[in-house]
C-alpha atoms as a PDB file:
ATOM      1  CA  MET A   1     -11.289 -35.508  23.794  1.00  0.00           C
ATOM      2  CA  GLY A   2     -11.176 -32.480  21.500  1.00  0.00           C
ATOM      3  CA  ARG A   3     -12.942 -29.178  21.947  1.00  0.00           C
ATOM      4  CA  VAL A   4     -15.553 -29.963  19.309  1.00  0.00           C
ATOM      5  CA  GLU A   5     -16.438 -33.348  20.848  1.00  0.00           C
ATOM      6  CA  ARG A   6     -16.587 -31.790  24.325  1.00  0.00           C
ATOM      7  CA  PHE A   7     -18.882 -29.014  23.064  1.00  0.00           C
ATOM      8  CA  PHE A   8     -21.421 -31.406  21.526  1.00  0.00           C
ATOM      9  CA  LEU A   9     -21.242 -33.709  24.550  1.00  0.00           C
ATOM     10  CA  ASN A  10     -22.015 -30.798  26.891  1.00  0.00           C
ATOM     11  CA  GLN A  11     -24.892 -29.741  24.638  1.00  0.00           C
ATOM     12  CA  GLY A  12     -26.328 -33.256  24.836  1.00  0.00           C
ATOM     13  CA  PHE A  13     -26.065 -33.316  28.644  1.00  0.00           C
ATOM     14  CA  LEU A  14     -27.696 -29.903  28.875  1.00  0.00           C
ATOM     15  CA  ARG A  15     -30.597 -30.927  26.668  1.00  0.00           C
ATOM     16  CA  ALA A  16     -31.112 -34.143  28.673  1.00  0.00           C
ATOM     17  CA  LYS A  17     -31.199 -32.238  31.974  1.00  0.00           C
ATOM     18  CA  ILE A  18     -33.658 -29.654  30.657  1.00  0.00           C
ATOM     19  CA  ASP A  19     -35.846 -32.382  29.157  1.00  0.00           C
ATOM     20  CA  GLU A  20     -35.915 -34.255  32.476  1.00  0.00           C
ATOM     21  CA  TYR A  21     -36.750 -31.069  34.393  1.00  0.00           C
ATOM     22  CA  LEU A  22     -39.618 -30.119  32.067  1.00  0.00           C
ATOM     23  CA  ALA A  23     -41.035 -33.670  32.043  1.00  0.00           C
ATOM     24  CA  ALA A  24     -41.088 -33.758  35.847  1.00  0.00           C
ATOM     25  CA  ASN A  25     -42.593 -30.289  36.379  1.00  0.00           C
ATOM     26  CA  PHE A  26     -44.996 -29.998  33.431  1.00  0.00           C
ATOM     27  CA  TYR A  27     -46.418 -33.481  33.542  1.00  0.00           C
ATOM     28  CA  MET A  28     -49.992 -32.107  33.738  1.00  0.00           C
ATOM     29  CA  ALA A  29     -49.410 -29.966  30.640  1.00  0.00           C
ATOM     30  CA  GLY A  30     -48.695 -33.023  28.477  1.00  0.00           C
ATOM     31  CA  TYR A  31     -45.064 -32.125  27.879  1.00  0.00           C
ATOM     32  CA  SER A  32     -43.637 -33.718  24.725  1.00  0.00           C
ATOM     33  CA  ARG A  33     -40.081 -32.551  23.951  1.00  0.00           C
ATOM     34  CA  VAL A  34     -37.754 -29.543  23.825  1.00  0.00           C
ATOM     35  CA  GLU A  35     -35.498 -28.088  21.139  1.00  0.00           C
ATOM     36  CA  ILE A  36     -32.458 -25.963  22.059  1.00  0.00           C
ATOM     37  CA  ILE A  37     -31.090 -23.779  19.255  1.00  0.00           C
ATOM     38  CA  PRO A  38     -28.021 -21.557  19.922  1.00  0.00           C
ATOM     39  CA  MET A  39     -28.348 -18.116  18.305  1.00  0.00           C
ATOM     40  CA  ALA A  40     -26.171 -15.032  17.983  1.00  0.00           C
ATOM     41  CA  LEU A  41     -27.986 -13.035  20.678  1.00  0.00           C
ATOM     42  CA  GLY A  42     -29.024 -15.882  22.955  1.00  0.00           C
ATOM     43  CA  THR A  43     -30.522 -19.376  22.962  1.00  0.00           C
ATOM     44  CA  ARG A  44     -33.886 -20.320  21.499  1.00  0.00           C
ATOM     45  CA  ILE A  45     -35.726 -22.912  23.618  1.00  0.00           C
ATOM     46  CA  HIS A  46     -38.802 -24.352  21.899  1.00  0.00           C
ATOM     47  CA  ILE A  47     -41.061 -26.407  24.161  1.00  0.00           C
ATOM     48  CA  TYR A  48     -43.740 -28.712  22.724  1.00  0.00           C
ATOM     49  CA  ALA A  49     -46.678 -29.595  24.965  1.00  0.00           C
ATOM     50  CA  GLU A  50     -50.262 -30.750  24.598  1.00  0.00           C
ATOM     51  CA  ARG A  51     -51.550 -27.832  26.684  1.00  0.00           C
ATOM     52  CA  PRO A  52     -49.247 -24.828  26.130  1.00  0.00           C
ATOM     53  CA  ALA A  53     -51.343 -22.544  28.332  1.00  0.00           C
ATOM     54  CA  LEU A  54     -50.208 -24.397  31.457  1.00  0.00           C
ATOM     55  CA  ILE A  55     -46.573 -23.724  30.575  1.00  0.00           C
ATOM     56  CA  ILE A  56     -47.102 -20.089  29.607  1.00  0.00           C
ATOM     57  CA  GLY A  57     -49.033 -19.339  32.786  1.00  0.00           C
ATOM     58  CA  GLN A  58     -51.243 -16.399  33.626  1.00  0.00           C
ATOM     59  CA  ARG A  59     -49.924 -13.355  31.754  1.00  0.00           C
ATOM     60  CA  GLY A  60     -46.689 -15.240  31.068  1.00  0.00           C
ATOM     61  CA  ALA A  61     -45.712 -15.675  34.732  1.00  0.00           C
ATOM     62  CA  THR A  62     -44.549 -19.281  34.272  1.00  0.00           C
ATOM     63  CA  ILE A  63     -42.498 -18.389  31.210  1.00  0.00           C
ATOM     64  CA  ARG A  64     -40.670 -15.641  33.092  1.00  0.00           C
ATOM     65  CA  ARG A  65     -39.929 -18.044  35.952  1.00  0.00           C
ATOM     66  CA  LEU A  66     -38.617 -20.608  33.474  1.00  0.00           C
ATOM     67  CA  GLN A  67     -36.323 -18.001  31.931  1.00  0.00           C
ATOM     68  CA  GLN A  68     -34.790 -17.310  35.335  1.00  0.00           C
ATOM     69  CA  ILE A  69     -34.333 -21.036  36.028  1.00  0.00           C
ATOM     70  CA  PHE A  70     -32.703 -21.677  32.652  1.00  0.00           C
ATOM     71  CA  GLU A  71     -30.356 -18.741  33.155  1.00  0.00           C
ATOM     72  CA  LYS A  72     -29.351 -19.310  36.800  1.00  0.00           C
ATOM     73  CA  VAL A  73     -29.592 -23.092  37.196  1.00  0.00           C
ATOM     74  CA  PHE A  74     -28.683 -24.354  33.726  1.00  0.00           C
ATOM     75  CA  GLY A  75     -26.347 -21.520  32.761  1.00  0.00           C
ATOM     76  CA  ILE A  76     -28.085 -20.528  29.517  1.00  0.00           C
ATOM     77  CA  GLU A  77     -27.432 -16.955  28.433  1.00  0.00           C
ATOM     78  CA  ASN A  78     -30.456 -14.900  27.382  1.00  0.00           C
ATOM     79  CA  PRO A  79     -32.952 -17.801  26.974  1.00  0.00           C
ATOM     80  CA  GLN A  80     -35.837 -17.073  24.615  1.00  0.00           C
ATOM     81  CA  ILE A  81     -38.712 -19.500  25.218  1.00  0.00           C
ATOM     82  CA  THR A  82     -41.517 -20.382  22.823  1.00  0.00           C
ATOM     83  CA  VAL A  83     -44.258 -22.930  23.473  1.00  0.00           C
ATOM     84  CA  SER A  84     -46.471 -24.728  20.954  1.00  0.00           C
ATOM     85  CA  GLN A  85     -48.398 -27.949  20.454  1.00  0.00           C
ATOM     86  CA  PRO A  86     -46.887 -30.990  18.695  1.00  0.00           C
ATOM     87  CA  GLU A  87     -47.841 -31.417  15.070  1.00  0.00           C
ATOM     88  CA  ASN A  88     -49.977 -34.488  15.856  1.00  0.00           C
ATOM     89  CA  PRO A  89     -50.442 -35.139  19.604  1.00  0.00           C
ATOM     90  CA  GLU A  90     -52.226 -38.433  18.941  1.00  0.00           C
ATOM     91  CA  LEU A  91     -49.011 -39.877  17.433  1.00  0.00           C
ATOM     92  CA  ASP A  92     -46.733 -38.540  20.171  1.00  0.00           C
ATOM     93  CA  ALA A  93     -45.862 -41.348  22.581  1.00  0.00           C
ATOM     94  CA  ARG A  94     -44.935 -39.082  25.489  1.00  0.00           C
ATOM     95  CA  VAL A  95     -48.143 -37.066  25.223  1.00  0.00           C
ATOM     96  CA  GLN A  96     -50.184 -40.262  25.186  1.00  0.00           C
ATOM     97  CA  ALA A  97     -48.265 -41.764  28.112  1.00  0.00           C
ATOM     98  CA  PHE A  98     -48.812 -38.667  30.263  1.00  0.00           C
ATOM     99  CA  ARG A  99     -52.474 -38.574  29.259  1.00  0.00           C
ATOM    100  CA  ILE A 100     -52.986 -42.212  30.290  1.00  0.00           C
ATOM    101  CA  ALA A 101     -51.178 -41.648  33.601  1.00  0.00           C
ATOM    102  CA  ARG A 102     -53.311 -38.590  34.385  1.00  0.00           C
ATOM    103  CA  SER A 103     -56.503 -40.506  33.627  1.00  0.00           C
ATOM    104  CA  ILE A 104     -55.479 -43.356  35.938  1.00  0.00           C
ATOM    105  CA  GLU A 105     -54.712 -40.858  38.697  1.00  0.00           C
ATOM    106  CA  MET A 106     -58.183 -39.362  38.236  1.00  0.00           C
ATOM    107  CA  GLY A 107     -59.715 -42.774  38.990  1.00  0.00           C
ATOM    108  CA  TYR A 108     -60.581 -44.161  35.549  1.00  0.00           C
ATOM    109  CA  HIS A 109     -60.163 -47.902  35.052  1.00  0.00           C
ATOM    110  CA  PHE A 110     -56.856 -48.703  33.361  1.00  0.00           C
ATOM    111  CA  ARG A 111     -58.419 -50.974  30.712  1.00  0.00           C
ATOM    112  CA  ARG A 112     -60.906 -48.333  29.646  1.00  0.00           C
ATOM    113  CA  VAL A 113     -58.145 -45.734  29.455  1.00  0.00           C
ATOM    114  CA  ALA A 114     -55.870 -48.042  27.436  1.00  0.00           C
ATOM    115  CA  PHE A 115     -58.532 -49.019  24.873  1.00  0.00           C
ATOM    116  CA  THR A 116     -59.571 -45.377  24.441  1.00  0.00           C
ATOM    117  CA  ALA A 117     -55.960 -44.341  23.822  1.00  0.00           C
ATOM    118  CA  LEU A 118     -55.457 -47.193  21.338  1.00  0.00           C
ATOM    119  CA  ARG A 119     -58.539 -46.160  19.381  1.00  0.00           C
ATOM    120  CA  ARG A 120     -57.385 -42.548  19.187  1.00  0.00           C
ATOM    121  CA  ILE A 121     -53.889 -43.509  18.100  1.00  0.00           C
ATOM    122  CA  MET A 122     -55.085 -45.854  15.355  1.00  0.00           C
ATOM    123  CA  ASN A 123     -57.682 -43.336  14.129  1.00  0.00           C
ATOM    124  CA  ALA A 124     -54.865 -40.802  13.757  1.00  0.00           C
ATOM    125  CA  GLY A 125     -53.218 -43.044  11.132  1.00  0.00           C
ATOM    126  CA  ALA A 126     -50.662 -45.017  13.138  1.00  0.00           C
ATOM    127  CA  LEU A 127     -49.412 -48.348  11.803  1.00  0.00           C
ATOM    128  CA  GLY A 128     -49.733 -49.834  15.274  1.00  0.00           C
ATOM    129  CA  ALA A 129     -49.486 -49.136  18.991  1.00  0.00           C
ATOM    130  CA  GLU A 130     -48.743 -50.983  22.198  1.00  0.00           C
ATOM    131  CA  ILE A 131     -49.598 -49.854  25.731  1.00  0.00           C
ATOM    132  CA  LYS A 132     -48.146 -51.603  28.768  1.00  0.00           C
ATOM    133  CA  ILE A 133     -49.500 -50.778  32.229  1.00  0.00           C
ATOM    134  CA  SER A 134     -47.778 -52.323  35.234  1.00  0.00           C
ATOM    135  CA  GLY A 135     -48.118 -52.134  39.015  1.00  0.00           C
ATOM    136  CA  LYS A 136     -50.753 -53.006  41.602  1.00  0.00           C
ATOM    137  CA  LEU A 137     -53.613 -52.871  39.151  1.00  0.00           C
ATOM    138  CA  ARG A 138     -56.312 -54.875  40.956  1.00  0.00           C
ATOM    139  CA  THR A 139     -54.667 -56.729  43.822  1.00  0.00           C
ATOM    140  CA  GLU A 140     -51.754 -56.211  46.200  1.00  0.00           C
ATOM    141  CA  ARG A 141     -49.541 -58.217  43.901  1.00  0.00           C
ATOM    142  CA  ALA A 142     -47.927 -56.261  41.082  1.00  0.00           C
ATOM    143  CA  ARG A 143     -48.481 -57.410  37.515  1.00  0.00           C
ATOM    144  CA  PHE A 144     -48.760 -55.932  34.040  1.00  0.00           C
ATOM    145  CA  GLU A 145     -51.160 -55.958  31.110  1.00  0.00           C
ATOM    146  CA  LYS A 146     -50.453 -55.209  27.450  1.00  0.00           C
ATOM    147  CA  PHE A 147     -52.876 -53.712  24.959  1.00  0.00           C
ATOM    148  CA  ARG A 148     -51.885 -53.852  21.307  1.00  0.00           C
ATOM    149  CA  ALA A 149     -53.339 -52.894  17.944  1.00  0.00           C
ATOM    150  CA  GLY A 150     -51.901 -52.964  14.436  1.00  0.00           C
ATOM    151  CA  LYS A 151     -48.232 -53.589  13.683  1.00  0.00           C
ATOM    152  CA  VAL A 152     -45.465 -52.627  16.115  1.00  0.00           C
ATOM    153  CA  TYR A 153     -41.771 -52.907  15.225  1.00  0.00           C
ATOM    154  CA  LYS A 154     -39.456 -54.191  17.956  1.00  0.00           C
ATOM    155  CA  ALA A 155     -36.174 -54.587  16.053  1.00  0.00           C
ATOM    156  CA  GLY A 156     -34.441 -53.515  12.875  1.00  0.00           C
ATOM    157  CA  GLU A 157     -34.092 -50.244  11.004  1.00  0.00           C
ATOM    158  CA  LYS A 158     -37.817 -49.514  11.202  1.00  0.00           C
ATOM    159  CA  VAL A 159     -37.499 -48.943  14.943  1.00  0.00           C
ATOM    160  CA  ASP A 160     -35.272 -45.905  14.358  1.00  0.00           C
ATOM    161  CA  GLU A 161     -37.377 -44.610  11.491  1.00  0.00           C
ATOM    162  CA  LEU A 162     -40.957 -45.090  12.676  1.00  0.00           C
ATOM    163  CA  VAL A 163     -41.218 -46.059  16.346  1.00  0.00           C
ATOM    164  CA  ASP A 164     -41.806 -43.527  19.133  1.00  0.00           C
ATOM    165  CA  ARG A 165     -41.578 -44.773  22.733  1.00  0.00           C
ATOM    166  CA  ALA A 166     -42.249 -43.077  26.071  1.00  0.00           C
ATOM    167  CA  VAL A 167     -42.693 -43.971  29.754  1.00  0.00           C
ATOM    168  CA  ALA A 168     -44.775 -42.235  32.439  1.00  0.00           C
ATOM    169  CA  ILE A 169     -45.865 -42.983  36.000  1.00  0.00           C
ATOM    170  CA  ALA A 170     -49.167 -42.524  37.808  1.00  0.00           C
ATOM    171  CA  LYS A 171     -48.953 -41.926  41.568  1.00  0.00           C
ATOM    172  CA  LEU A 172     -51.770 -43.620  43.480  1.00  0.00           C
ATOM    173  CA  PRO A 173     -52.284 -44.223  47.215  1.00  0.00           C
ATOM    174  CA  LYS A 174     -51.634 -47.952  46.760  1.00  0.00           C
ATOM    175  CA  GLY A 175     -48.404 -47.383  44.829  1.00  0.00           C
ATOM    176  CA  ILE A 176     -46.948 -46.282  41.501  1.00  0.00           C
ATOM    177  CA  ILE A 177     -48.431 -47.432  38.186  1.00  0.00           C
ATOM    178  CA  GLY A 178     -46.025 -47.514  35.247  1.00  0.00           C
ATOM    179  CA  VAL A 179     -47.198 -46.691  31.716  1.00  0.00           C
ATOM    180  CA  GLU A 180     -45.219 -47.494  28.561  1.00  0.00           C
ATOM    181  CA  VAL A 181     -46.461 -46.412  25.133  1.00  0.00           C
ATOM    182  CA  ILE A 182     -45.001 -47.526  21.802  1.00  0.00           C
ATOM    183  CA  ILE A 183     -46.367 -46.001  18.585  1.00  0.00           C
ATOM    184  CA  ALA A 184     -45.429 -47.057  15.050  1.00  0.00           C
ATOM    185  CA  ARG A 185     -46.017 -43.898  13.075  1.00  0.00           C
ATOM    186  CA  PRO A 186     -46.954 -43.971   9.374  1.00  0.00           C
ATOM    187  CA  GLY A 187     -43.962 -44.046   7.063  1.00  0.00           C
ATOM    188  CA  LYS A 188     -43.198 -44.852   3.439  1.00  0.00           C
ATOM    189  CA  PRO A 189     -45.711 -46.656   1.189  1.00  0.00           C
ATOM    190  CA  GLY A 190     -43.588 -49.806   1.463  1.00  0.00           C
ATOM    191  CA  ASP A 191     -44.738 -50.172   5.045  1.00  0.00           C
ATOM    192  CA  TYR A 192     -48.251 -51.037   3.854  1.00  0.00           C
ATOM    193  CA  ILE A 193     -48.669 -54.555   2.444  1.00  0.00           C
ATOM    194  CA  ARG A 194     -51.856 -55.763   0.765  1.00  0.00           C
ATOM    195  CA  ILE A 195     -52.376 -58.928  -1.301  1.00  0.00           C
ATOM    196  CA  LYS A 196     -54.145 -58.236  -4.590  1.00  0.00           C
ATOM    197  CA  ASN A 197     -56.877 -60.511  -5.892  1.00  0.00           C
ATOM    198  CA  PRO A 198     -56.498 -62.240  -9.314  1.00  0.00           C
ATOM    199  CA  GLU A 199     -58.721 -59.713 -11.105  1.00  0.00           C
ATOM    200  CA  GLU A 200     -56.539 -56.812  -9.964  1.00  0.00           C
ATOM    201  CA  VAL A 201     -53.391 -58.676 -11.040  1.00  0.00           C
ATOM    202  CA  ALA A 202     -54.847 -59.377 -14.511  1.00  0.00           C
ATOM    203  CA  ASP A 203     -55.851 -55.740 -14.970  1.00  0.00           C
ATOM    204  CA  GLU A 204     -52.404 -54.574 -13.883  1.00  0.00           C
ATOM    205  CA  LEU A 205     -50.659 -56.943 -16.319  1.00  0.00           C
ATOM    206  CA  GLN A 206     -52.912 -55.804 -19.166  1.00  0.00           C
ATOM    207  CA  ARG A 207     -52.174 -52.160 -18.413  1.00  0.00           C
ATOM    208  CA  LEU A 208     -48.418 -52.809 -18.330  1.00  0.00           C
ATOM    209  CA  ARG A 209     -48.602 -54.761 -21.618  1.00  0.00           C
ATOM    210  CA  GLU A 210     -50.413 -51.868 -23.318  1.00  0.00           C
ATOM    211  CA  GLU A 211     -47.875 -49.352 -22.012  1.00  0.00           C
ATOM    212  CA  LEU A 212     -44.959 -51.452 -23.285  1.00  0.00           C
ATOM    213  CA  GLU A 213     -46.559 -51.846 -26.711  1.00  0.00           C
ATOM    214  CA  ALA A 214     -47.169 -48.110 -26.930  1.00  0.00           C
ATOM    215  CA  ARG A 215     -43.573 -47.276 -25.979  1.00  0.00           C
ATOM    216  CA  ALA A 216     -41.884 -49.961 -28.188  1.00  0.00           C
ATOM    217  CA  PRO A 217     -40.593 -48.692 -31.597  1.00  0.00           C
ATOM    218  CA  GLU A 218     -41.894 -50.211 -34.848  1.00  0.00           C
ATOM    219  CA  ARG A 219     -39.649 -53.068 -35.932  1.00  0.00           C
ATOM    220  CA  PRO A 220     -39.933 -56.473 -37.700  1.00  0.00           C
ATOM    221  CA  GLU A 221     -40.952 -59.422 -35.632  1.00  0.00           C
ATOM    222  CA  ILE A 222     -38.214 -61.626 -34.221  1.00  0.00           C
ATOM    223  CA  GLU A 223     -39.490 -64.630 -36.172  1.00  0.00           C
ATOM    224  CA  GLU A 224     -39.141 -62.728 -39.461  1.00  0.00           C
ATOM    225  CA  LEU A 225     -35.588 -61.776 -38.596  1.00  0.00           C
ATOM    226  CA  ILE A 226     -34.735 -65.404 -37.837  1.00  0.00           C
ATOM    227  CA  GLU A 227     -36.211 -66.646 -41.120  1.00  0.00           C
ATOM    228  CA  GLU A 228     -34.433 -63.935 -43.069  1.00  0.00           C
ATOM    229  CA  ALA A 229     -31.109 -64.796 -41.469  1.00  0.00           C
ATOM    230  CA  ALA A 230     -31.615 -68.525 -42.065  1.00  0.00           C
ATOM    231  CA  GLY A 231     -32.363 -67.977 -45.778  1.00  0.00           C
ATOM    232  CA  GLU A 232     -29.047 -66.229 -46.399  1.00  0.00           C
ATOM    233  CA  GLU A 233     -26.075 -68.512 -47.152  1.00  0.00           C
ATOM    234  CA  ALA A 234     -22.748 -67.705 -45.643  1.00  0.00           C
ATOM    235  CA  PRO A 235     -20.104 -66.509 -48.205  1.00  0.00           C
ATOM    236  CA  GLY A 236     -17.809 -69.311 -49.406  1.00  0.00           C
ATOM    237  CA  ALA A 237     -20.011 -72.056 -48.065  1.00  0.00           C
ATOM    238  CA  GLU A 238     -20.732 -73.559 -51.567  1.00  0.00           C
ATOM    239  CA  GLU A 239     -17.059 -73.660 -52.517  1.00  0.00           C
ATOM    240  CA  ALA A 240     -16.189 -75.350 -49.228  1.00  0.00           C
ATOM    241  CA  THR A 241     -18.742 -78.134 -49.877  1.00  0.00           C
ATOM    242  CA  GLN A 242     -17.695 -78.696 -53.521  1.00  0.00           C
ATOM    243  CA  ALA A 243     -13.992 -78.851 -52.908  1.00  0.00           C
ATOM    244  CA  PRO A 244     -13.810 -82.547 -51.946  1.00  0.00           C
ATOM    245  CA  ALA A 245     -15.800 -83.609 -55.038  1.00  0.00           C
ATOM    246  CA  GLY A 246     -13.369 -81.809 -57.361  1.00  0.00           C
ATOM    247  CA  GLY A 247     -10.455 -83.601 -55.704  1.00  0.00           C
ATOM    248  CA  GLU A 248     -11.934 -87.054 -56.323  1.00  0.00           C
ATOM    249  CA  ALA A 249     -12.372 -86.266 -60.022  1.00  0.00           C
END
């Protein structure tokens, strides 16, 4: 393995360890993801969370403690930490999974929590969402329930482009409840399919016909060209037909 491959591999391991640490310790803050950007004078660490105040702490006490941990435990030189909210928390699968887990821990019924989360996700413009909650939900025997709305991709290229997936756990006295959230975020216009009625199709065809007529240059009709070509005799055709008669004479 070359130096370049080893460098990027180590960067990936470092990011995975930091992401796991933040997800475990800032679960109540609605942690979403982290970005690590090497800079000339240090390393920029950008943390996205639903509630940034819980990560910043009172007068920045938590941030200063995080800087020490990143420097001593993870070996990052001069870490510079910034915290902000995700662009759209309702379409962030990890934020939604942590929110559902927290609500279940607070004693809300899992079905009510799941339907509320689905409604918020779909109102935010998602193509679809699926929530799976598993564990000892009502009895001592573990089982799972799925709640789904809209269109959710499970295979193909759309999974990489549109789907966001996250897992969280809720710790209850009777055991651990697992929460899985899958969100199909809005993408290109081709992802929306609607069948037009005949009136819309007729109007569209008429509009296209008018545009083509306006763009087409003025020229004779095809039928006139055919008639004009048919009326012209090919050169030498009359001599070719009269040759046999002259021979018989």
